[in-house]
């Protein structure tokens, strides 16, 4: 249940790949949401990711049978989840920090080159900390589920960062 009154829904936004890239602070090779996204600000998201076959993590995970690492899938979920809040007036322009994960389950191996559809919704918002229930789907079959937790902070210059999330 969303508990913060400042979240407003404005209908579904269709974000292009370029708009997703503008909103998310990550860059290649760590930007995993690389397709269009449908977002109801502060409420839900449906986004796309395709993991490049030539990604270095496939060399060692696993030789002869490459599988997308679960941590990469979870990071992709967190990136998709952050789009729900970055499209709201309150969180627009802020940087996202992935701070927690609960109830993660990996149900199907995701091979290189697979198109993954990420869906999710906000579960709760407390003191700027947002929990979202996320799912990763491949070919209409659920591949992974998790509750991801993110927090949002204003951008700071590198010389002004002290190494901690909260400030």
N, C-alpha and C. Protein backbone atom coordinates (compact mmCIF):
# COMPACT_ATOMS: atom_id res chain seq x y z
N UNK A 1 0.84 -1.19 0.00
CA UNK A 1 0.00 0.00 0.00
C UNK A 1 0.88 1.24 0.00
N UNK A 2 0.63 2.14 -0.92
CA UNK A 2 1.39 3.38 -1.01
C UNK A 2 0.89 4.32 0.07
N UNK A 3 1.83 4.84 0.89
CA UNK A 3 1.42 5.63 2.04
C UNK A 3 1.79 7.10 1.95
N UNK A 4 2.48 7.51 0.91
CA UNK A 4 2.89 8.90 0.82
C UNK A 4 1.94 9.66 -0.09
N UNK A 5 1.31 10.68 0.43
CA UNK A 5 0.25 11.39 -0.27
C UNK A 5 0.74 12.21 -1.46
N UNK A 6 2.04 12.43 -1.58
CA UNK A 6 2.54 13.30 -2.63
C UNK A 6 2.60 12.62 -4.00
N UNK A 7 2.42 11.31 -4.06
CA UNK A 7 2.49 10.62 -5.34
C UNK A 7 1.19 10.85 -6.09
N UNK A 8 1.33 11.36 -7.32
CA UNK A 8 0.16 11.62 -8.15
C UNK A 8 0.25 10.77 -9.40
N UNK A 9 -0.87 10.22 -9.82
CA UNK A 9 -0.88 9.50 -11.08
C UNK A 9 -1.41 10.42 -12.17
N UNK A 10 -0.78 10.34 -13.32
CA UNK A 10 -1.16 11.20 -14.43
C UNK A 10 -1.50 10.37 -15.66
N UNK A 11 -1.85 9.12 -15.50
CA UNK A 11 -2.06 8.26 -16.65
C UNK A 11 -0.75 7.61 -17.06
N UNK A 12 -0.82 6.78 -18.08
CA UNK A 12 0.35 6.04 -18.53
C UNK A 12 1.23 6.90 -19.44
N UNK A 13 2.52 6.89 -19.15
CA UNK A 13 3.51 7.56 -19.99
C UNK A 13 4.22 6.50 -20.81
N UNK A 14 4.34 6.69 -22.09
CA UNK A 14 5.11 5.79 -22.96
C UNK A 14 6.48 6.43 -23.14
N UNK A 15 7.50 5.82 -22.53
CA UNK A 15 8.86 6.35 -22.62
C UNK A 15 9.64 5.62 -23.70
N UNK A 16 10.28 6.37 -24.57
CA UNK A 16 11.14 5.77 -25.58
C UNK A 16 12.44 5.32 -24.92
N UNK A 17 13.22 4.59 -25.66
CA UNK A 17 14.54 4.16 -25.17
C UNK A 17 15.38 5.36 -24.77
N UNK A 18 15.32 6.42 -25.55
CA UNK A 18 16.09 7.63 -25.26
C UNK A 18 15.59 8.32 -23.98
N UNK A 19 14.29 8.35 -23.78
CA UNK A 19 13.73 8.96 -22.57
C UNK A 19 14.10 8.15 -21.33
N UNK A 20 14.11 6.82 -21.44
CA UNK A 20 14.55 5.97 -20.33
C UNK A 20 15.99 6.31 -19.99
N UNK A 21 16.82 6.44 -20.99
CA UNK A 21 18.23 6.77 -20.79
C UNK A 21 18.40 8.14 -20.12
N UNK A 22 17.56 9.10 -20.47
CA UNK A 22 17.62 10.42 -19.84
C UNK A 22 17.25 10.37 -18.37
N UNK A 23 16.32 9.51 -17.99
CA UNK A 23 15.86 9.43 -16.61
C UNK A 23 16.81 8.65 -15.69
N UNK A 24 17.37 7.56 -16.21
CA UNK A 24 18.21 6.71 -15.36
C UNK A 24 19.64 7.22 -15.30
N UNK A 25 20.27 7.19 -14.12
CA UNK A 25 21.64 7.69 -14.00
C UNK A 25 22.70 6.71 -14.50
N UNK A 26 22.38 5.43 -14.64
CA UNK A 26 23.36 4.45 -15.09
C UNK A 26 23.70 4.66 -16.56
N UNK A 27 24.87 4.20 -16.93
CA UNK A 27 25.32 4.22 -18.32
C UNK A 27 25.92 2.86 -18.66
N UNK A 28 26.06 2.59 -19.96
CA UNK A 28 26.64 1.36 -20.40
C UNK A 28 28.05 1.23 -19.80
N UNK A 29 28.44 0.08 -19.38
CA UNK A 29 27.77 -1.20 -19.58
C UNK A 29 26.79 -1.57 -18.46
N UNK A 30 26.41 -0.62 -17.60
CA UNK A 30 25.56 -0.95 -16.46
C UNK A 30 24.13 -0.43 -16.61
N UNK A 31 23.76 0.07 -17.77
CA UNK A 31 22.38 0.46 -18.03
C UNK A 31 21.71 -0.73 -18.69
N UNK A 32 20.79 -1.38 -17.97
CA UNK A 32 20.19 -2.61 -18.46
C UNK A 32 18.79 -2.42 -19.02
N UNK A 33 18.03 -1.45 -18.54
CA UNK A 33 16.72 -1.17 -19.13
C UNK A 33 17.01 -0.43 -20.42
N UNK A 34 16.90 -1.13 -21.54
CA UNK A 34 17.34 -0.56 -22.81
C UNK A 34 16.25 -0.58 -23.88
N UNK A 35 15.02 -0.66 -23.45
CA UNK A 35 13.91 -0.62 -24.38
C UNK A 35 12.89 0.38 -23.92
N UNK A 36 11.77 0.43 -24.60
CA UNK A 36 10.72 1.36 -24.17
C UNK A 36 10.13 0.95 -22.82
N UNK A 37 9.44 1.88 -22.19
CA UNK A 37 8.80 1.61 -20.90
C UNK A 37 7.45 2.32 -20.85
N UNK A 38 6.47 1.63 -20.30
CA UNK A 38 5.17 2.23 -20.01
C UNK A 38 5.11 2.43 -18.50
N UNK A 39 4.89 3.68 -18.09
CA UNK A 39 4.94 4.01 -16.67
C UNK A 39 3.69 4.76 -16.26
N UNK A 40 3.07 4.33 -15.17
CA UNK A 40 2.07 5.14 -14.49
C UNK A 40 2.84 5.74 -13.32
N UNK A 41 3.18 7.02 -13.38
CA UNK A 41 4.05 7.62 -12.37
C UNK A 41 3.58 7.35 -10.94
N UNK A 42 4.52 6.84 -10.14
CA UNK A 42 4.25 6.55 -8.75
C UNK A 42 3.44 5.29 -8.51
N UNK A 43 3.11 4.56 -9.58
CA UNK A 43 2.20 3.40 -9.44
C UNK A 43 2.76 2.12 -10.05
N UNK A 44 3.04 2.11 -11.37
CA UNK A 44 3.43 0.87 -12.02
C UNK A 44 4.37 1.13 -13.20
N UNK A 45 5.02 0.04 -13.64
CA UNK A 45 5.95 0.11 -14.76
C UNK A 45 5.91 -1.20 -15.54
N UNK A 46 6.12 -1.09 -16.82
CA UNK A 46 6.37 -2.23 -17.71
C UNK A 46 7.48 -1.77 -18.64
N UNK A 47 8.65 -2.40 -18.55
CA UNK A 47 9.82 -1.97 -19.31
C UNK A 47 10.49 -3.17 -19.97
N UNK A 48 11.41 -2.88 -20.86
CA UNK A 48 12.08 -3.94 -21.60
C UNK A 48 13.59 -3.87 -21.43
N UNK A 49 14.20 -5.05 -21.38
CA UNK A 49 15.66 -5.16 -21.35
C UNK A 49 16.07 -6.32 -22.24
N UNK A 50 17.19 -6.13 -22.92
CA UNK A 50 17.81 -7.21 -23.68
C UNK A 50 19.27 -7.23 -23.26
N UNK A 51 19.75 -8.37 -22.81
CA UNK A 51 21.13 -8.49 -22.35
C UNK A 51 22.01 -8.86 -23.54
N UNK A 52 22.98 -8.02 -23.86
CA UNK A 52 23.83 -8.22 -25.03
C UNK A 52 24.61 -9.53 -24.93
N UNK A 53 24.61 -10.26 -26.03
CA UNK A 53 25.28 -11.56 -26.06
C UNK A 53 26.77 -11.45 -25.80
N UNK A 54 27.38 -10.32 -26.14
CA UNK A 54 28.82 -10.16 -25.96
C UNK A 54 29.23 -9.63 -24.60
N UNK A 55 28.30 -9.52 -23.66
CA UNK A 55 28.64 -8.98 -22.33
C UNK A 55 29.68 -9.85 -21.64
N UNK A 56 30.66 -9.20 -21.01
CA UNK A 56 31.77 -9.92 -20.39
C UNK A 56 31.34 -10.89 -19.30
N UNK A 57 30.23 -10.60 -18.60
CA UNK A 57 29.86 -11.50 -17.51
C UNK A 57 29.48 -12.89 -18.01
N UNK A 58 29.14 -13.03 -19.29
CA UNK A 58 28.81 -14.36 -19.82
C UNK A 58 30.04 -15.25 -20.00
N UNK A 59 31.22 -14.63 -20.08
CA UNK A 59 32.44 -15.42 -20.25
C UNK A 59 32.63 -16.38 -19.08
N UNK A 60 32.36 -15.92 -17.89
CA UNK A 60 32.56 -16.77 -16.71
C UNK A 60 31.28 -17.28 -16.08
N UNK A 61 30.12 -16.93 -16.62
CA UNK A 61 28.84 -17.30 -16.00
C UNK A 61 27.90 -17.88 -17.04
N UNK A 62 28.02 -18.97 -17.49
CA UNK A 62 28.96 -20.05 -17.22
C UNK A 62 29.58 -20.48 -18.54
N UNK A 63 30.88 -20.83 -18.57
CA UNK A 63 31.54 -21.23 -19.81
C UNK A 63 30.79 -22.40 -20.47
N UNK A 64 30.45 -22.24 -21.73
CA UNK A 64 29.74 -23.29 -22.46
C UNK A 64 28.23 -23.26 -22.28
N UNK A 65 27.74 -22.60 -21.23
CA UNK A 65 26.30 -22.48 -20.98
C UNK A 65 26.03 -21.12 -20.33
N UNK A 66 26.14 -20.04 -21.11
CA UNK A 66 25.99 -18.71 -20.53
C UNK A 66 24.59 -18.44 -20.01
N UNK A 67 24.51 -17.87 -18.82
CA UNK A 67 23.25 -17.52 -18.16
C UNK A 67 23.42 -16.12 -17.56
N UNK A 68 22.39 -15.29 -17.70
CA UNK A 68 22.45 -13.95 -17.12
C UNK A 68 22.50 -14.07 -15.59
N UNK A 69 23.49 -13.47 -14.95
CA UNK A 69 23.59 -13.56 -13.49
C UNK A 69 22.36 -12.95 -12.81
N UNK A 70 21.92 -13.58 -11.73
CA UNK A 70 20.77 -13.09 -10.98
C UNK A 70 20.95 -11.67 -10.50
N UNK A 71 22.16 -11.29 -10.12
CA UNK A 71 22.38 -9.92 -9.64
C UNK A 71 22.14 -8.90 -10.75
N UNK A 72 22.40 -9.28 -11.99
CA UNK A 72 22.13 -8.39 -13.12
C UNK A 72 20.63 -8.25 -13.32
N UNK A 73 19.90 -9.34 -13.19
CA UNK A 73 18.44 -9.29 -13.31
C UNK A 73 17.84 -8.43 -12.21
N UNK A 74 18.34 -8.56 -11.00
CA UNK A 74 17.85 -7.74 -9.88
C UNK A 74 18.16 -6.27 -10.11
N UNK A 75 19.36 -5.96 -10.56
CA UNK A 75 19.70 -4.56 -10.88
C UNK A 75 18.78 -4.02 -11.96
N UNK A 76 18.46 -4.84 -12.95
CA UNK A 76 17.54 -4.41 -14.00
C UNK A 76 16.16 -4.11 -13.42
N UNK A 77 15.72 -4.94 -12.48
CA UNK A 77 14.44 -4.68 -11.80
C UNK A 77 14.48 -3.34 -11.07
N UNK A 78 15.58 -3.07 -10.37
CA UNK A 78 15.71 -1.82 -9.62
C UNK A 78 15.70 -0.62 -10.57
N UNK A 79 16.35 -0.75 -11.73
CA UNK A 79 16.33 0.33 -12.70
C UNK A 79 14.91 0.58 -13.21
N UNK A 80 14.19 -0.49 -13.54
CA UNK A 80 12.81 -0.34 -14.01
C UNK A 80 11.93 0.25 -12.91
N UNK A 81 12.12 -0.22 -11.67
CA UNK A 81 11.32 0.28 -10.55
C UNK A 81 11.55 1.77 -10.34
N UNK A 82 12.77 2.22 -10.51
CA UNK A 82 13.07 3.64 -10.27
C UNK A 82 12.36 4.55 -11.27
N UNK A 83 12.03 4.04 -12.45
CA UNK A 83 11.31 4.84 -13.44
C UNK A 83 9.94 5.28 -12.92
N UNK A 84 9.33 4.47 -12.05
CA UNK A 84 8.01 4.83 -11.51
C UNK A 84 8.07 6.13 -10.72
N UNK A 85 9.17 6.34 -10.01
CA UNK A 85 9.27 7.52 -9.16
C UNK A 85 9.95 8.69 -9.87
N UNK A 86 10.90 8.41 -10.75
CA UNK A 86 11.59 9.48 -11.47
C UNK A 86 10.67 10.24 -12.40
N UNK A 87 9.50 9.68 -12.69
CA UNK A 87 8.52 10.35 -13.54
C UNK A 87 7.50 11.14 -12.74
N UNK A 88 7.68 11.22 -11.42
CA UNK A 88 6.80 12.03 -10.57
C UNK A 88 7.47 13.37 -10.29
N UNK A 89 6.69 14.41 -10.04
CA UNK A 89 7.29 15.72 -9.75
C UNK A 89 8.23 15.70 -8.54
N UNK A 90 7.88 14.96 -7.51
CA UNK A 90 8.70 14.96 -6.30
C UNK A 90 10.10 14.39 -6.51
N UNK A 91 10.23 13.35 -7.33
CA UNK A 91 11.51 12.66 -7.50
C UNK A 91 12.21 12.99 -8.82
N UNK A 92 11.60 13.80 -9.66
CA UNK A 92 12.18 14.15 -10.95
C UNK A 92 13.57 14.76 -10.77
N UNK A 93 14.52 14.29 -11.58
CA UNK A 93 15.87 14.83 -11.56
C UNK A 93 16.76 14.32 -10.45
N UNK A 94 16.24 13.43 -9.60
CA UNK A 94 17.07 12.92 -8.50
C UNK A 94 17.84 11.68 -8.96
N UNK A 95 18.80 11.28 -8.14
CA UNK A 95 19.55 10.07 -8.41
C UNK A 95 18.97 8.96 -7.53
N UNK A 96 19.00 7.76 -8.06
CA UNK A 96 18.40 6.61 -7.38
C UNK A 96 19.50 5.75 -6.78
N UNK A 97 19.28 5.30 -5.56
CA UNK A 97 20.17 4.34 -4.91
C UNK A 97 19.37 3.09 -4.60
N UNK A 98 19.86 1.97 -5.10
CA UNK A 98 19.27 0.66 -4.82
C UNK A 98 19.78 0.25 -3.45
N UNK A 99 18.87 0.09 -2.47
CA UNK A 99 19.32 -0.13 -1.09
C UNK A 99 18.84 -1.43 -0.46
N UNK A 100 18.01 -2.20 -1.15
CA UNK A 100 17.57 -3.44 -0.53
C UNK A 100 16.82 -4.36 -1.47
N UNK A 101 16.78 -5.60 -1.05
CA UNK A 101 16.06 -6.62 -1.81
C UNK A 101 15.46 -7.64 -0.84
N UNK A 102 14.25 -8.05 -1.15
CA UNK A 102 13.58 -9.06 -0.34
C UNK A 102 12.90 -10.07 -1.27
N UNK A 103 12.74 -11.27 -0.77
CA UNK A 103 11.94 -12.30 -1.42
C UNK A 103 12.33 -12.55 -2.87
N UNK A 104 13.62 -12.46 -3.20
CA UNK A 104 14.06 -12.71 -4.56
C UNK A 104 13.99 -14.20 -4.87
N UNK A 105 13.45 -14.50 -6.04
CA UNK A 105 13.36 -15.88 -6.52
C UNK A 105 13.69 -15.88 -8.01
N UNK A 106 14.53 -16.82 -8.39
CA UNK A 106 14.89 -16.98 -9.80
C UNK A 106 14.24 -18.27 -10.28
N UNK A 107 13.37 -18.16 -11.25
CA UNK A 107 12.51 -19.26 -11.65
C UNK A 107 12.89 -19.88 -12.98
N UNK A 108 13.67 -19.15 -13.78
CA UNK A 108 14.03 -19.62 -15.11
C UNK A 108 15.34 -18.95 -15.51
N UNK A 109 16.23 -19.70 -16.15
CA UNK A 109 17.48 -19.13 -16.64
C UNK A 109 17.21 -18.17 -17.79
N UNK A 110 17.93 -17.06 -17.80
CA UNK A 110 17.80 -16.06 -18.86
C UNK A 110 19.08 -16.10 -19.70
N UNK A 111 18.97 -16.57 -20.94
CA UNK A 111 20.17 -16.68 -21.79
C UNK A 111 20.56 -15.34 -22.41
N UNK A 112 21.79 -15.23 -22.92
CA UNK A 112 22.21 -14.01 -23.62
C UNK A 112 21.27 -13.72 -24.78
N UNK A 113 20.98 -12.43 -24.99
CA UNK A 113 20.14 -12.02 -26.10
C UNK A 113 18.65 -12.11 -25.86
N UNK A 114 18.24 -12.65 -24.73
CA UNK A 114 16.81 -12.79 -24.44
C UNK A 114 16.19 -11.42 -24.20
N UNK A 115 14.97 -11.25 -24.69
CA UNK A 115 14.20 -10.04 -24.39
C UNK A 115 13.44 -10.29 -23.10
N UNK A 116 13.66 -9.44 -22.13
CA UNK A 116 13.02 -9.59 -20.82
C UNK A 116 12.07 -8.42 -20.62
N UNK A 117 10.87 -8.73 -20.19
CA UNK A 117 9.85 -7.72 -19.88
C UNK A 117 9.79 -7.60 -18.38
N UNK A 118 9.98 -6.39 -17.86
CA UNK A 118 9.96 -6.14 -16.43
C UNK A 118 8.65 -5.45 -16.09
N UNK A 119 7.94 -5.98 -15.13
CA UNK A 119 6.69 -5.37 -14.68
C UNK A 119 6.75 -5.19 -13.18
N UNK A 120 6.07 -4.17 -12.70
CA UNK A 120 6.08 -3.97 -11.26
C UNK A 120 5.17 -2.85 -10.83
N UNK A 121 5.04 -2.78 -9.50
CA UNK A 121 4.23 -1.71 -8.92
C UNK A 121 4.80 -1.33 -7.56
N UNK A 122 4.50 -0.11 -7.17
CA UNK A 122 4.95 0.39 -5.88
C UNK A 122 4.15 -0.30 -4.78
N UNK A 123 4.84 -0.80 -3.78
CA UNK A 123 4.21 -1.45 -2.63
C UNK A 123 4.06 -0.46 -1.48
N UNK A 124 5.13 0.31 -1.22
CA UNK A 124 5.07 1.28 -0.13
C UNK A 124 6.09 2.39 -0.34
N UNK A 125 5.78 3.53 0.26
CA UNK A 125 6.68 4.68 0.26
C UNK A 125 6.69 5.22 1.69
N UNK A 126 7.89 5.22 2.30
CA UNK A 126 8.03 5.75 3.65
C UNK A 126 9.32 6.54 3.73
N UNK A 127 9.20 7.82 4.06
CA UNK A 127 10.36 8.68 4.27
C UNK A 127 11.32 8.65 3.08
N UNK A 128 10.78 8.66 1.88
CA UNK A 128 11.61 8.67 0.68
C UNK A 128 12.19 7.33 0.29
N UNK A 129 11.81 6.28 0.99
CA UNK A 129 12.26 4.92 0.66
C UNK A 129 11.08 4.21 -0.01
N UNK A 130 11.33 3.69 -1.22
CA UNK A 130 10.26 3.12 -2.02
C UNK A 130 10.50 1.62 -2.22
N UNK A 131 9.50 0.82 -1.84
CA UNK A 131 9.54 -0.62 -2.10
C UNK A 131 8.63 -0.92 -3.27
N UNK A 132 9.14 -1.75 -4.20
CA UNK A 132 8.37 -2.12 -5.38
C UNK A 132 8.43 -3.63 -5.58
N UNK A 133 7.30 -4.21 -5.91
CA UNK A 133 7.26 -5.63 -6.26
C UNK A 133 7.49 -5.72 -7.76
N UNK A 134 8.55 -6.45 -8.14
CA UNK A 134 8.95 -6.53 -9.53
C UNK A 134 8.97 -7.98 -10.02
N UNK A 135 8.71 -8.13 -11.31
CA UNK A 135 8.80 -9.43 -11.96
C UNK A 135 9.53 -9.28 -13.28
N UNK A 136 10.29 -10.30 -13.65
CA UNK A 136 10.97 -10.36 -14.95
C UNK A 136 10.34 -11.51 -15.72
N UNK A 137 9.92 -11.21 -16.95
CA UNK A 137 9.24 -12.19 -17.81
C UNK A 137 10.04 -12.39 -19.08
N UNK A 138 10.14 -13.63 -19.51
CA UNK A 138 10.83 -13.95 -20.75
C UNK A 138 9.93 -14.87 -21.56
N UNK A 139 9.52 -14.42 -22.73
CA UNK A 139 8.65 -15.25 -23.56
C UNK A 139 7.34 -15.60 -22.90
N UNK A 140 6.80 -14.69 -22.09
CA UNK A 140 5.53 -14.94 -21.42
C UNK A 140 5.62 -15.82 -20.18
N UNK A 141 6.83 -16.21 -19.81
CA UNK A 141 7.05 -17.04 -18.62
C UNK A 141 7.83 -16.23 -17.60
N UNK A 142 7.37 -16.27 -16.35
CA UNK A 142 8.04 -15.51 -15.29
C UNK A 142 9.40 -16.12 -15.00
N UNK A 143 10.44 -15.29 -15.07
CA UNK A 143 11.81 -15.74 -14.85
C UNK A 143 12.33 -15.40 -13.47
N UNK A 144 11.83 -14.29 -12.88
CA UNK A 144 12.32 -13.87 -11.56
C UNK A 144 11.31 -12.93 -10.92
N UNK A 145 11.31 -12.90 -9.58
CA UNK A 145 10.47 -11.98 -8.81
C UNK A 145 11.30 -11.46 -7.64
N UNK A 146 10.97 -10.25 -7.19
CA UNK A 146 11.65 -9.69 -6.02
C UNK A 146 10.94 -8.42 -5.59
N UNK A 147 11.15 -8.06 -4.35
CA UNK A 147 10.78 -6.75 -3.85
C UNK A 147 12.07 -5.96 -3.75
N UNK A 148 12.15 -4.87 -4.51
CA UNK A 148 13.36 -4.05 -4.50
C UNK A 148 13.08 -2.75 -3.77
N UNK A 149 14.07 -2.26 -3.06
CA UNK A 149 13.95 -1.03 -2.30
C UNK A 149 14.95 -0.01 -2.82
N UNK A 150 14.45 1.18 -3.08
CA UNK A 150 15.28 2.27 -3.60
C UNK A 150 15.02 3.53 -2.78
N UNK A 151 16.01 4.40 -2.76
CA UNK A 151 15.84 5.72 -2.17
C UNK A 151 16.35 6.74 -3.19
N UNK A 152 15.94 7.96 -3.02
CA UNK A 152 16.23 9.01 -4.00
C UNK A 152 16.85 10.19 -3.30
N UNK A 153 17.87 10.77 -3.94
CA UNK A 153 18.56 11.93 -3.38
C UNK A 153 18.88 12.90 -4.51
N UNK A 154 19.01 14.18 -4.17
CA UNK A 154 19.44 15.16 -5.18
C UNK A 154 20.83 14.80 -5.69
N UNK A 155 21.11 15.13 -6.95
CA UNK A 155 22.44 14.92 -7.50
C UNK A 155 23.45 15.77 -6.74
N UNK A 156 24.65 15.22 -6.55
CA UNK A 156 25.73 15.98 -5.93
C UNK A 156 26.96 15.87 -6.81
N UNK A 157 27.81 16.85 -6.74
CA UNK A 157 29.06 16.79 -7.50
C UNK A 157 29.97 15.74 -6.86
N UNK A 158 30.85 15.12 -7.65
CA UNK A 158 31.76 14.09 -7.11
C UNK A 158 32.60 14.60 -5.94
N UNK A 159 32.98 15.87 -5.93
CA UNK A 159 33.81 16.40 -4.85
C UNK A 159 33.00 16.59 -3.55
N UNK A 160 31.68 16.54 -3.66
CA UNK A 160 30.81 16.77 -2.52
C UNK A 160 30.27 15.47 -1.93
N UNK A 161 30.64 14.32 -2.52
CA UNK A 161 30.12 13.05 -2.03
C UNK A 161 31.00 12.54 -0.91
N UNK A 162 30.34 11.97 0.09
CA UNK A 162 31.07 11.47 1.25
C UNK A 162 31.03 9.96 1.35
N UNK A 163 30.49 9.28 0.32
CA UNK A 163 30.52 7.82 0.31
C UNK A 163 29.32 7.17 0.97
N UNK A 164 28.41 7.92 1.55
CA UNK A 164 27.25 7.27 2.16
C UNK A 164 25.99 7.66 1.40
N UNK A 165 25.00 6.79 1.44
CA UNK A 165 23.77 6.99 0.69
C UNK A 165 22.99 8.18 1.20
N UNK A 166 22.88 8.29 2.49
CA UNK A 166 22.02 9.33 3.08
C UNK A 166 22.59 10.73 3.04
N UNK A 167 23.82 10.91 2.78
CA UNK A 167 24.30 12.27 2.68
C UNK A 167 25.58 12.47 3.31
